[in-house]
């Protein structure tokens, strides 16, 4: 007879545990959905910004006299880079304009 009471208590404890785990899963799912939405919105904003920058560069290339003024196009592209990236890109462009091909590590 007392075994039945022990089993009833164990069953009620298991039901509580299942309810708690179910609620935890629902909370986790809700949190993940919010995080994914934030990421998606951030990704869309970055994509729009890059699209606008590309359109701006394209409009500068199509401007009259844009074919002879490559330096202004390069400058607008460089403005999207960090200072370190800009310095490296300027070094690459300088090498290309001189026509010098060097291997890394060779001076």
PDB file of N, CA and C in Angstrom:
ATOM      1  N   UNK A   1       0.819  -1.192   0.000  1.00  0.00           N
ATOM      2  CA  UNK A   1       0.000   0.000   0.000  1.00  0.00           C
ATOM      3  C   UNK A   1       0.863   1.256   0.000  1.00  0.00           C
ATOM      4  N   UNK A   2       1.931   1.269   0.799  1.00  0.00           N
ATOM      5  CA  UNK A   2       2.798   2.440   0.827  1.00  0.00           C
ATOM      6  C   UNK A   2       3.596   2.576  -0.467  1.00  0.00           C
ATOM      7  N   UNK A   3       3.784   1.470  -1.144  1.00  0.00           N
ATOM      8  CA  UNK A   3       4.485   1.489  -2.424  1.00  0.00           C
ATOM      9  C   UNK A   3       3.707   2.325  -3.429  1.00  0.00           C
ATOM     10  N   UNK A   4       2.402   2.251  -3.384  1.00  0.00           N
ATOM     11  CA  UNK A   4       1.558   3.017  -4.294  1.00  0.00           C
ATOM     12  C   UNK A   4       1.752   4.510  -4.068  1.00  0.00           C
ATOM     13  N   UNK A   5       1.848   4.973  -2.824  1.00  0.00           N
ATOM     14  CA  UNK A   5       2.067   6.387  -2.514  1.00  0.00           C
ATOM     15  C   UNK A   5       3.436   6.854  -3.023  1.00  0.00           C
ATOM     16  N   UNK A   6       4.444   5.962  -2.868  1.00  0.00           N
ATOM     17  CA  UNK A   6       5.776   6.310  -3.356  1.00  0.00           C
ATOM     18  C   UNK A   6       5.765   6.452  -4.877  1.00  0.00           C
ATOM     19  N   UNK A   7       5.071   5.540  -5.553  1.00  0.00           N
ATOM     20  CA  UNK A   7       4.986   5.618  -7.007  1.00  0.00           C
ATOM     21  C   UNK A   7       4.235   6.868  -7.447  1.00  0.00           C
ATOM     22  N   UNK A   8       3.174   7.217  -6.735  1.00  0.00           N
ATOM     23  CA  UNK A   8       2.398   8.417  -7.063  1.00  0.00           C
ATOM     24  C   UNK A   8       3.265   9.657  -6.928  1.00  0.00           C
ATOM     25  N   UNK A   9       4.088   9.725  -5.889  1.00  0.00           N
ATOM     26  CA  UNK A   9       4.981  10.859  -5.694  1.00  0.00           C
ATOM     27  C   UNK A   9       6.024  10.919  -6.805  1.00  0.00           C
ATOM     28  N   UNK A  10       6.592   9.779  -7.172  1.00  0.00           N
ATOM     29  CA  UNK A  10       7.579   9.750  -8.243  1.00  0.00           C
ATOM     30  C   UNK A  10       6.974  10.209  -9.561  1.00  0.00           C
ATOM     31  N   UNK A  11       5.736   9.796  -9.814  1.00  0.00           N
ATOM     32  CA  UNK A  11       5.050  10.193 -11.046  1.00  0.00           C
ATOM     33  C   UNK A  11       4.816  11.697 -11.059  1.00  0.00           C
ATOM     34  N   UNK A  12       4.371  12.247  -9.932  1.00  0.00           N
ATOM     35  CA  UNK A  12       4.130  13.687  -9.884  1.00  0.00           C
ATOM     36  C   UNK A  12       5.452  14.457 -10.024  1.00  0.00           C
ATOM     37  N   UNK A  13       6.552  13.940  -9.450  1.00  0.00           N
ATOM     38  CA  UNK A  13       7.858  14.572  -9.617  1.00  0.00           C
ATOM     39  C   UNK A  13       8.298  14.546 -11.084  1.00  0.00           C
ATOM     40  N   UNK A  14       8.068  13.427 -11.736  1.00  0.00           N
ATOM     41  CA  UNK A  14       8.413  13.320 -13.152  1.00  0.00           C
ATOM     42  C   UNK A  14       7.575  14.275 -14.005  1.00  0.00           C
ATOM     43  N   UNK A  15       6.303  14.411 -13.677  1.00  0.00           N
ATOM     44  CA  UNK A  15       5.453  15.337 -14.414  1.00  0.00           C
ATOM     45  C   UNK A  15       5.945  16.766 -14.238  1.00  0.00           C
ATOM     46  N   UNK A  16       6.346  17.147 -13.027  1.00  0.00           N
ATOM     47  CA  UNK A  16       6.894  18.486 -12.781  1.00  0.00           C
ATOM     48  C   UNK A  16       8.161  18.712 -13.597  1.00  0.00           C
ATOM     49  N   UNK A  17       9.029  17.694 -13.611  1.00  0.00           N
ATOM     50  CA  UNK A  17      10.283  17.800 -14.363  1.00  0.00           C
ATOM     51  C   UNK A  17      10.004  17.974 -15.851  1.00  0.00           C
ATOM     52  N   UNK A  18       9.068  17.205 -16.378  1.00  0.00           N
ATOM     53  CA  UNK A  18       8.720  17.305 -17.793  1.00  0.00           C
ATOM     54  C   UNK A  18       8.144  18.682 -18.107  1.00  0.00           C
ATOM     55  N   UNK A  19       7.271  19.210 -17.246  1.00  0.00           N
ATOM     56  CA  UNK A  19       6.709  20.544 -17.466  1.00  0.00           C
ATOM     57  C   UNK A  19       7.806  21.602 -17.457  1.00  0.00           C
ATOM     58  N   UNK A  20       8.737  21.480 -16.512  1.00  0.00           N
ATOM     59  CA  UNK A  20       9.826  22.449 -16.407  1.00  0.00           C
ATOM     60  C   UNK A  20      10.717  22.385 -17.648  1.00  0.00           C
ATOM     61  N   UNK A  21      11.045  21.171 -18.105  1.00  0.00           N
ATOM     62  CA  UNK A  21      11.858  21.023 -19.303  1.00  0.00           C
ATOM     63  C   UNK A  21      11.137  21.536 -20.547  1.00  0.00           C
ATOM     64  N   UNK A  22       9.835  21.286 -20.617  1.00  0.00           N
ATOM     65  CA  UNK A  22       9.039  21.768 -21.749  1.00  0.00           C
ATOM     66  C   UNK A  22       9.037  23.294 -21.787  1.00  0.00           C
ATOM     67  N   UNK A  23       8.865  23.916 -20.634  1.00  0.00           N
ATOM     68  CA  UNK A  23       8.881  25.379 -20.576  1.00  0.00           C
ATOM     69  C   UNK A  23      10.263  25.917 -20.943  1.00  0.00           C
ATOM     70  N   UNK A  24      11.297  25.238 -20.479  1.00  0.00           N
ATOM     71  CA  UNK A  24      12.659  25.642 -20.829  1.00  0.00           C
ATOM     72  C   UNK A  24      12.908  25.569 -22.327  1.00  0.00           C
ATOM     73  N   UNK A  25      12.414  24.530 -22.958  1.00  0.00           N
ATOM     74  CA  UNK A  25      12.568  24.395 -24.413  1.00  0.00           C
ATOM     75  C   UNK A  25      11.804  25.487 -25.153  1.00  0.00           C
ATOM     76  N   UNK A  26      10.611  25.819 -24.673  1.00  0.00           N
ATOM     77  CA  UNK A  26       9.841  26.892 -25.307  1.00  0.00           C
ATOM     78  C   UNK A  26      10.569  28.227 -25.169  1.00  0.00           C
ATOM     79  N   UNK A  27      11.130  28.478 -23.980  1.00  0.00           N
ATOM     80  CA  UNK A  27      11.879  29.719 -23.767  1.00  0.00           C
ATOM     81  C   UNK A  27      13.111  29.776 -24.665  1.00  0.00           C
ATOM     82  N   UNK A  28      13.815  28.664 -24.771  1.00  0.00           N
ATOM     83  CA  UNK A  28      15.001  28.596 -25.611  1.00  0.00           C
ATOM     84  C   UNK A  28      14.638  28.807 -27.083  1.00  0.00           C
ATOM     85  N   UNK A  29      13.551  28.215 -27.522  1.00  0.00           N
ATOM     86  CA  UNK A  29      13.097  28.382 -28.898  1.00  0.00           C
ATOM     87  C   UNK A  29      12.751  29.844 -29.172  1.00  0.00           C
ATOM     88  N   UNK A  30      12.060  30.472 -28.231  1.00  0.00           N
ATOM     89  CA  UNK A  30      11.695  31.881 -28.376  1.00  0.00           C
ATOM     90  C   UNK A  30      12.955  32.754 -28.439  1.00  0.00           C
ATOM     91  N   UNK A  31      13.913  32.486 -27.571  1.00  0.00           N
ATOM     92  CA  UNK A  31      15.158  33.255 -27.550  1.00  0.00           C
ATOM     93  C   UNK A  31      15.939  33.074 -28.852  1.00  0.00           C
ATOM     94  N   UNK A  32      15.995  31.850 -29.349  1.00  0.00           N
ATOM     95  CA  UNK A  32      16.696  31.588 -30.599  1.00  0.00           C
ATOM     96  C   UNK A  32      16.016  32.307 -31.760  1.00  0.00           C
ATOM     97  N   UNK A  33      14.702  32.307 -31.784  1.00  0.00           N
ATOM     98  CA  UNK A  33      13.976  32.997 -32.848  1.00  0.00           C
ATOM     99  C   UNK A  33      14.288  34.487 -32.836  1.00  0.00           C
ATOM    100  N   UNK A  34      14.303  35.090 -31.658  1.00  0.00           N
ATOM    101  CA  UNK A  34      14.646  36.511 -31.550  1.00  0.00           C
ATOM    102  C   UNK A  34      16.077  36.777 -32.016  1.00  0.00           C
ATOM    103  N   UNK A  35      17.004  35.921 -31.623  1.00  0.00           N
ATOM    104  CA  UNK A  35      18.400  36.092 -32.027  1.00  0.00           C
ATOM    105  C   UNK A  35      18.535  35.963 -33.537  1.00  0.00           C
ATOM    106  N   UNK A  36      17.869  34.998 -34.121  1.00  0.00           N
ATOM    107  CA  UNK A  36      17.932  34.806 -35.566  1.00  0.00           C
ATOM    108  C   UNK A  36      17.343  36.018 -36.286  1.00  0.00           C
ATOM    109  N   UNK A  37      16.231  36.557 -35.786  1.00  0.00           N
ATOM    110  CA  UNK A  37      15.635  37.744 -36.404  1.00  0.00           C
ATOM    111  C   UNK A  37      16.588  38.937 -36.337  1.00  0.00           C
ATOM    112  N   UNK A  38      17.246  39.115 -35.191  1.00  0.00           N
ATOM    113  CA  UNK A  38      18.213  40.217 -35.061  1.00  0.00           C
ATOM    114  C   UNK A  38      19.350  40.045 -36.058  1.00  0.00           C
ATOM    115  N   UNK A  39      19.865  38.835 -36.178  1.00  0.00           N
ATOM    116  CA  UNK A  39      20.939  38.561 -37.121  1.00  0.00           C
ATOM    117  C   UNK A  39      20.486  38.824 -38.551  1.00  0.00           C
ATOM    118  N   UNK A  40      19.293  38.385 -38.881  1.00  0.00           N
ATOM    119  CA  UNK A  40      18.777  38.566 -40.246  1.00  0.00           C
ATOM    120  C   UNK A  40      18.622  40.048 -40.579  1.00  0.00           C
ATOM    121  N   UNK A  41      18.102  40.829 -39.629  1.00  0.00           N
ATOM    122  CA  UNK A  41      17.951  42.273 -39.857  1.00  0.00           C
ATOM    123  C   UNK A  41      19.320  42.948 -39.997  1.00  0.00           C
ATOM    124  N   UNK A  42      20.270  42.553 -39.186  1.00  0.00           N
ATOM    125  CA  UNK A  42      21.616  43.107 -39.280  1.00  0.00           C
ATOM    126  C   UNK A  42      22.242  42.766 -40.629  1.00  0.00           C
ATOM    127  N   UNK A  43      22.071  41.537 -41.068  1.00  0.00           N
ATOM    128  CA  UNK A  43      22.605  41.111 -42.360  1.00  0.00           C
ATOM    129  C   UNK A  43      21.968  41.908 -43.495  1.00  0.00           C
ATOM    130  N   UNK A  44      20.675  42.152 -43.425  1.00  0.00           N
ATOM    131  CA  UNK A  44      19.988  42.924 -44.463  1.00  0.00           C
ATOM    132  C   UNK A  44      20.496  44.366 -44.483  1.00  0.00           C
ATOM    133  N   UNK A  45      20.722  44.956 -43.301  1.00  0.00           N
ATOM    134  CA  UNK A  45      21.232  46.325 -43.246  1.00  0.00           C
ATOM    135  C   UNK A  45      22.624  46.418 -43.866  1.00  0.00           C
ATOM    136  N   UNK A  46      23.470  45.451 -43.566  1.00  0.00           N
ATOM    137  CA  UNK A  46      24.818  45.452 -44.130  1.00  0.00           C
ATOM    138  C   UNK A  46      24.755  45.271 -45.643  1.00  0.00           C
ATOM    139  N   UNK A  47      23.892  44.385 -46.108  1.00  0.00           N
ATOM    140  CA  UNK A  47      23.749  44.162 -47.549  1.00  0.00           C
ATOM    141  C   UNK A  47      23.272  45.432 -48.250  1.00  0.00           C
ATOM    142  N   UNK A  48      22.327  46.144 -47.651  1.00  0.00           N
ATOM    143  CA  UNK A  48      21.845  47.397 -48.242  1.00  0.00           C
ATOM    144  C   UNK A  48      22.962  48.431 -48.286  1.00  0.00           C
ATOM    145  N   UNK A  49      23.737  48.513 -47.205  1.00  0.00           N
ATOM    146  CA  UNK A  49      24.840  49.480 -47.152  1.00  0.00           C
ATOM    147  C   UNK A  49      25.863  49.174 -48.238  1.00  0.00           C
ATOM    148  N   UNK A  50      26.198  47.913 -48.407  1.00  0.00           N
ATOM    149  CA  UNK A  50      27.165  47.532 -49.436  1.00  0.00           C
ATOM    150  C   UNK A  50      26.601  47.774 -50.833  1.00  0.00           C
ATOM    151  N   UNK A  51      25.312  47.549 -51.012  1.00  0.00           N
ATOM    152  CA  UNK A  51      24.683  47.798 -52.302  1.00  0.00           C
ATOM    153  C   UNK A  51      24.739  49.289 -52.631  1.00  0.00           C
ATOM    154  N   UNK A  52      24.432  50.129 -51.623  1.00  0.00           N
ATOM    155  CA  UNK A  52      24.501  51.581 -51.843  1.00  0.00           C
ATOM    156  C   UNK A  52      25.926  52.013 -52.173  1.00  0.00           C
ATOM    157  N   UNK A  53      26.909  51.441 -51.499  1.00  0.00           N
ATOM    158  CA  UNK A  53      28.302  51.788 -51.777  1.00  0.00           C
ATOM    159  C   UNK A  53      28.675  51.359 -53.193  1.00  0.00           C
ATOM    160  N   UNK A  54      28.225  50.181 -53.607  1.00  0.00           N
ATOM    161  CA  UNK A  54      28.489  49.715 -54.967  1.00  0.00           C
ATOM    162  C   UNK A  54      27.827  50.592 -56.007  1.00  0.00           C
ATOM    163  N   UNK A  55      26.609  51.027 -55.722  1.00  0.00           N
ATOM    164  CA  UNK A  55      25.917  51.920 -56.649  1.00  0.00           C
ATOM    165  C   UNK A  55      26.628  53.258 -56.736  1.00  0.00           C
ATOM    166  N   UNK A  56      27.149  53.736 -55.610  1.00  0.00           N
ATOM    167  CA  UNK A  56      27.866  55.006 -55.598  1.00  0.00           C
ATOM    168  C   UNK A  56      29.143  54.891 -56.430  1.00  0.00           C
ATOM    169  N   UNK A  57      29.849  53.787 -56.288  1.00  0.00           N
ATOM    170  CA  UNK A  57      31.066  53.577 -57.070  1.00  0.00           C
ATOM    171  C   UNK A  57      30.719  53.452 -58.550  1.00  0.00           C
ATOM    172  N   UNK A  58      29.635  52.736 -58.862  1.00  0.00           N
ATOM    173  CA  UNK A  58      29.213  52.587 -60.254  1.00  0.00           C
ATOM    174  C   UNK A  58      28.843  53.927 -60.863  1.00  0.00           C
ATOM    175  N   UNK A  59      28.162  54.756 -60.107  1.00  0.00           N
ATOM    176  CA  UNK A  59      27.768  56.063 -60.635  1.00  0.00           C
ATOM    177  C   UNK A  59      28.991  56.939 -60.857  1.00  0.00           C
ATOM    178  N   UNK A  60      30.025  56.787 -60.031  1.00  0.00           N
ATOM    179  CA  UNK A  60      31.250  57.557 -60.242  1.00  0.00           C
ATOM    180  C   UNK A  60      31.992  57.069 -61.477  1.00  0.00           C
ATOM    181  N   UNK A  61      31.949  55.766 -61.737  1.00  0.00           N
ATOM    182  CA  UNK A  61      32.606  55.223 -62.927  1.00  0.00           C
ATOM    183  C   UNK A  61      31.900  55.664 -64.198  1.00  0.00           C
ATOM    184  N   UNK A  62      30.574  55.817 -64.147  1.00  0.00           N
ATOM    185  CA  UNK A  62      29.799  56.199 -65.320  1.00  0.00           C
ATOM    186  C   UNK A  62      29.807  57.703 -65.557  1.00  0.00           C
ATOM    187  N   UNK A  63      30.312  58.471 -64.604  1.00  0.00           N
ATOM    188  CA  UNK A  63      30.326  59.932 -64.736  1.00  0.00           C
ATOM    189  C   UNK A  63      31.226  60.323 -65.901  1.00  0.00           C
ATOM    190  N   UNK A  64      30.909  61.465 -66.577  1.00  0.00           N
ATOM    191  CA  UNK A  64      31.749  61.914 -67.700  1.00  0.00           C
ATOM    192  C   UNK A  64      33.180  62.141 -67.225  1.00  0.00           C
ATOM    193  N   UNK A  65      34.131  61.652 -68.035  1.00  0.00           N
ATOM    194  CA  UNK A  65      35.538  61.790 -67.668  1.00  0.00           C
ATOM    195  C   UNK A  65      35.970  60.778 -66.637  1.00  0.00           C
ATOM    196  N   UNK A  66      35.107  59.856 -66.277  1.00  0.00           N
ATOM    197  CA  UNK A  66      35.425  58.872 -65.252  1.00  0.00           C
ATOM    198  C   UNK A  66      36.461  57.865 -65.713  1.00  0.00           C
ATOM    199  N   UNK A  67      36.576  57.654 -67.033  1.00  0.00           N
ATOM    200  CA  UNK A  67      37.544  56.703 -67.542  1.00  0.00           C
ATOM    201  C   UNK A  67      38.972  57.158 -67.352  1.00  0.00           C
ATOM    202  N   UNK A  68      39.227  58.475 -67.385  1.00  0.00           N
ATOM    203  CA  UNK A  68      40.592  58.969 -67.244  1.00  0.00           C
ATOM    204  C   UNK A  68      40.957  59.256 -65.802  1.00  0.00           C
ATOM    205  N   UNK A  69      39.992  59.260 -64.916  1.00  0.00           N
ATOM    206  CA  UNK A  69      40.247  59.617 -63.516  1.00  0.00           C
ATOM    207  C   UNK A  69      40.147  58.381 -62.631  1.00  0.00           C
ATOM    208  N   UNK A  70      41.041  57.413 -62.838  1.00  0.00           N
ATOM    209  CA  UNK A  70      41.011  56.174 -62.064  1.00  0.00           C
ATOM    210  C   UNK A  70      41.386  56.400 -60.624  1.00  0.00           C
ATOM    211  N   UNK A  71      42.159  57.443 -60.358  1.00  0.00           N
ATOM    212  CA  UNK A  71      42.596  57.695 -58.984  1.00  0.00           C
ATOM    213  C   UNK A  71      41.411  58.001 -58.068  1.00  0.00           C
ATOM    214  N   UNK A  72      40.418  58.760 -58.558  1.00  0.00           N
ATOM    215  CA  UNK A  72      39.259  59.082 -57.722  1.00  0.00           C
ATOM    216  C   UNK A  72      38.413  57.843 -57.453  1.00  0.00           C
ATOM    217  N   UNK A  73      38.350  56.925 -58.415  1.00  0.00           N
ATOM    218  CA  UNK A  73      37.612  55.680 -58.215  1.00  0.00           C
ATOM    219  C   UNK A  73      38.311  54.842 -57.157  1.00  0.00           C
ATOM    220  N   UNK A  74      39.636  54.727 -57.268  1.00  0.00           N
ATOM    221  CA  UNK A  74      40.405  53.960 -56.293  1.00  0.00           C
ATOM    222  C   UNK A  74      40.257  54.567 -54.905  1.00  0.00           C
ATOM    223  N   UNK A  75      40.245  55.888 -54.809  1.00  0.00           N
ATOM    224  CA  UNK A  75      40.098  56.556 -53.520  1.00  0.00           C
ATOM    225  C   UNK A  75      38.745  56.255 -52.905  1.00  0.00           C
ATOM    226  N   UNK A  76      37.681  56.237 -53.711  1.00  0.00           N
ATOM    227  CA  UNK A  76      36.353  55.947 -53.157  1.00  0.00           C
ATOM    228  C   UNK A  76      36.264  54.506 -52.694  1.00  0.00           C
ATOM    229  N   UNK A  77      36.935  53.606 -53.394  1.00  0.00           N
ATOM    230  CA  UNK A  77      36.948  52.211 -52.959  1.00  0.00           C
ATOM    231  C   UNK A  77      37.773  52.046 -51.688  1.00  0.00           C
ATOM    232  N   UNK A  78      38.861  52.777 -51.598  1.00  0.00           N
ATOM    233  CA  UNK A  78      39.716  52.684 -50.419  1.00  0.00           C
ATOM    234  C   UNK A  78      39.010  53.211 -49.174  1.00  0.00           C
ATOM    235  N   UNK A  79      38.059  54.120 -49.337  1.00  0.00           N
ATOM    236  CA  UNK A  79      37.377  54.688 -48.176  1.00  0.00           C
ATOM    237  C   UNK A  79      36.553  53.644 -47.429  1.00  0.00           C
ATOM    238  N   UNK A  80      36.258  52.514 -48.058  1.00  0.00           N
ATOM    239  CA  UNK A  80      35.502  51.450 -47.399  1.00  0.00           C
ATOM    240  C   UNK A  80      36.399  50.560 -46.539  1.00  0.00           C
ATOM    241  N   UNK A  81      37.729  50.715 -46.672  1.00  0.00           N
ATOM    242  CA  UNK A  81      38.659  49.851 -45.974  1.00  0.00           C
ATOM    243  C   UNK A  81      39.124  50.468 -44.657  1.00  0.00           C
ATOM    244  N   UNK A  82      39.619  49.622 -43.784  1.00  0.00           N
ATOM    245  CA  UNK A  82      40.229  50.105 -42.546  1.00  0.00           C
ATOM    246  C   UNK A  82      41.590  50.710 -42.907  1.00  0.00           C
ATOM    247  N   UNK A  83      42.181  51.501 -42.015  1.00  0.00           N
ATOM    248  CA  UNK A  83      43.480  52.111 -42.339  1.00  0.00           C
ATOM    249  C   UNK A  83      44.562  51.089 -42.708  1.00  0.00           C
ATOM    250  N   UNK A  84      44.624  49.978 -41.991  1.00  0.00           N
ATOM    251  CA  UNK A  84      45.630  48.958 -42.308  1.00  0.00           C
ATOM    252  C   UNK A  84      45.368  48.349 -43.686  1.00  0.00           C
ATOM    253  N   UNK A  85      44.095  48.061 -43.971  1.00  0.00           N
ATOM    254  CA  UNK A  85      43.747  47.495 -45.274  1.00  0.00           C
ATOM    255  C   UNK A  85      44.034  48.508 -46.384  1.00  0.00           C
ATOM    256  N   UNK A  86      43.751  49.777 -46.104  1.00  0.00           N
ATOM    257  CA  UNK A  86      43.979  50.838 -47.089  1.00  0.00           C
ATOM    258  C   UNK A  86      45.473  50.929 -47.425  1.00  0.00           C
ATOM    259  N   UNK A  87      46.342  50.879 -46.400  1.00  0.00           N
ATOM    260  CA  UNK A  87      47.782  50.969 -46.610  1.00  0.00           C
ATOM    261  C   UNK A  87      48.266  49.793 -47.468  1.00  0.00           C
ATOM    262  N   UNK A  88      47.799  48.596 -47.168  1.00  0.00           N
ATOM    263  CA  UNK A  88      48.201  47.419 -47.940  1.00  0.00           C
ATOM    264  C   UNK A  88      47.701  47.529 -49.371  1.00  0.00           C
ATOM    265  N   UNK A  89      46.475  47.978 -49.552  1.00  0.00           N
ATOM    266  CA  UNK A  89      45.919  48.114 -50.893  1.00  0.00           C
ATOM    267  C   UNK A  89      46.694  49.157 -51.699  1.00  0.00           C
ATOM    268  N   UNK A  90      47.102  50.248 -51.062  1.00  0.00           N
ATOM    269  CA  UNK A  90      47.891  51.265 -51.760  1.00  0.00           C
ATOM    270  C   UNK A  90      49.244  50.697 -52.185  1.00  0.00           C
ATOM    271  N   UNK A  91      49.850  49.857 -51.346  1.00  0.00           N
ATOM    272  CA  UNK A  91      51.115  49.225 -51.704  1.00  0.00           C
ATOM    273  C   UNK A  91      50.927  48.297 -52.904  1.00  0.00           C
ATOM    274  N   UNK A  92      49.844  47.550 -52.908  1.00  0.00           N
ATOM    275  CA  UNK A  92      49.558  46.646 -54.028  1.00  0.00           C
ATOM    276  C   UNK A  92      49.366  47.440 -55.313  1.00  0.00           C
ATOM    277  N   UNK A  93      48.597  48.517 -55.240  1.00  0.00           N
ATOM    278  CA  UNK A  93      48.356  49.333 -56.433  1.00  0.00           C
ATOM    279  C   UNK A  93      49.641  49.992 -56.926  1.00  0.00           C
ATOM    280  N   UNK A  94      50.504  50.402 -55.992  1.00  0.00           N
ATOM    281  CA  UNK A  94      51.776  51.003 -56.392  1.00  0.00           C
ATOM    282  C   UNK A  94      52.638  49.986 -57.125  1.00  0.00           C
ATOM    283  N   UNK A  95      52.705  48.756 -56.629  1.00  0.00           N
ATOM    284  CA  UNK A  95      53.471  47.705 -57.304  1.00  0.00           C
ATOM    285  C   UNK A  95      52.913  47.438 -58.695  1.00  0.00           C
ATOM    286  N   UNK A  96      51.592  47.396 -58.794  1.00  0.00           N
ATOM    287  CA  UNK A  96      50.975  47.125 -60.095  1.00  0.00           C
ATOM    288  C   UNK A  96      51.275  48.244 -61.094  1.00  0.00           C
ATOM    289  N   UNK A  97      51.233  49.480 -60.607  1.00  0.00           N
ATOM    290  CA  UNK A  97      51.478  50.601 -61.521  1.00  0.00           C
ATOM    291  C   UNK A  97      52.934  50.620 -61.995  1.00  0.00           C
ATOM    292  N   UNK A  98      53.869  50.127 -61.162  1.00  0.00           N
ATOM    293  CA  UNK A  98      55.274  50.045 -61.569  1.00  0.00           C
ATOM    294  C   UNK A  98      55.519  48.828 -62.431  1.00  0.00           C
ATOM    295  N   UNK A  99      54.634  47.849 -62.361  1.00  0.00           N
ATOM    296  CA  UNK A  99      54.820  46.618 -63.126  1.00  0.00           C
ATOM    297  C   UNK A  99      55.811  45.678 -62.472  1.00  0.00           C
ATOM    298  N   UNK A 100      56.038  45.857 -61.191  1.00  0.00           N
ATOM    299  CA  UNK A 100      56.998  45.043 -60.468  1.00  0.00           C
ATOM    300  C   UNK A 100      56.273  43.884 -59.812  1.00  0.00           C
ATOM    301  N   UNK A 101      56.765  42.674 -60.049  1.00  0.00           N
ATOM    302  CA  UNK A 101      56.191  41.494 -59.408  1.00  0.00           C
ATOM    303  C   UNK A 101      57.223  40.969 -58.436  1.00  0.00           C
ATOM    304  N   UNK A 102      56.869  40.943 -57.163  1.00  0.00           N
ATOM    305  CA  UNK A 102      57.806  40.441 -56.144  1.00  0.00           C
ATOM    306  C   UNK A 102      57.127  39.353 -55.365  1.00  0.00           C
ATOM    307  N   UNK A 103      57.953  38.444 -54.839  1.00  0.00           N
ATOM    308  CA  UNK A 103      57.447  37.407 -53.963  1.00  0.00           C
ATOM    309  C   UNK A 103      57.528  37.906 -52.539  1.00  0.00           C
ATOM    310  N   UNK A 104      56.645  37.408 -51.674  1.00  0.00           N
ATOM    311  CA  UNK A 104      56.705  37.792 -50.279  1.00  0.00           C
ATOM    312  C   UNK A 104      58.008  37.310 -49.666  1.00  0.00           C
ATOM    313  N   UNK A 105      58.607  38.145 -48.853  1.00  0.00           N
ATOM    314  CA  UNK A 105      59.850  37.790 -48.206  1.00  0.00           C
ATOM    315  C   UNK A 105      61.068  38.281 -48.982  1.00  0.00           C
ATOM    316  N   UNK A 106      60.882  38.603 -50.269  1.00  0.00           N
ATOM    317  CA  UNK A 106      61.981  39.132 -51.058  1.00  0.00           C
ATOM    318  C   UNK A 106      61.831  40.650 -51.120  1.00  0.00           C
ATOM    319  N   UNK A 107      62.892  41.370 -51.015  1.00  0.00           N
ATOM    320  CA  UNK A 107      62.804  42.819 -50.984  1.00  0.00           C
ATOM    321  C   UNK A 107      63.176  43.376 -52.273  1.00  0.00           C
TER     322      UNK A 107
END
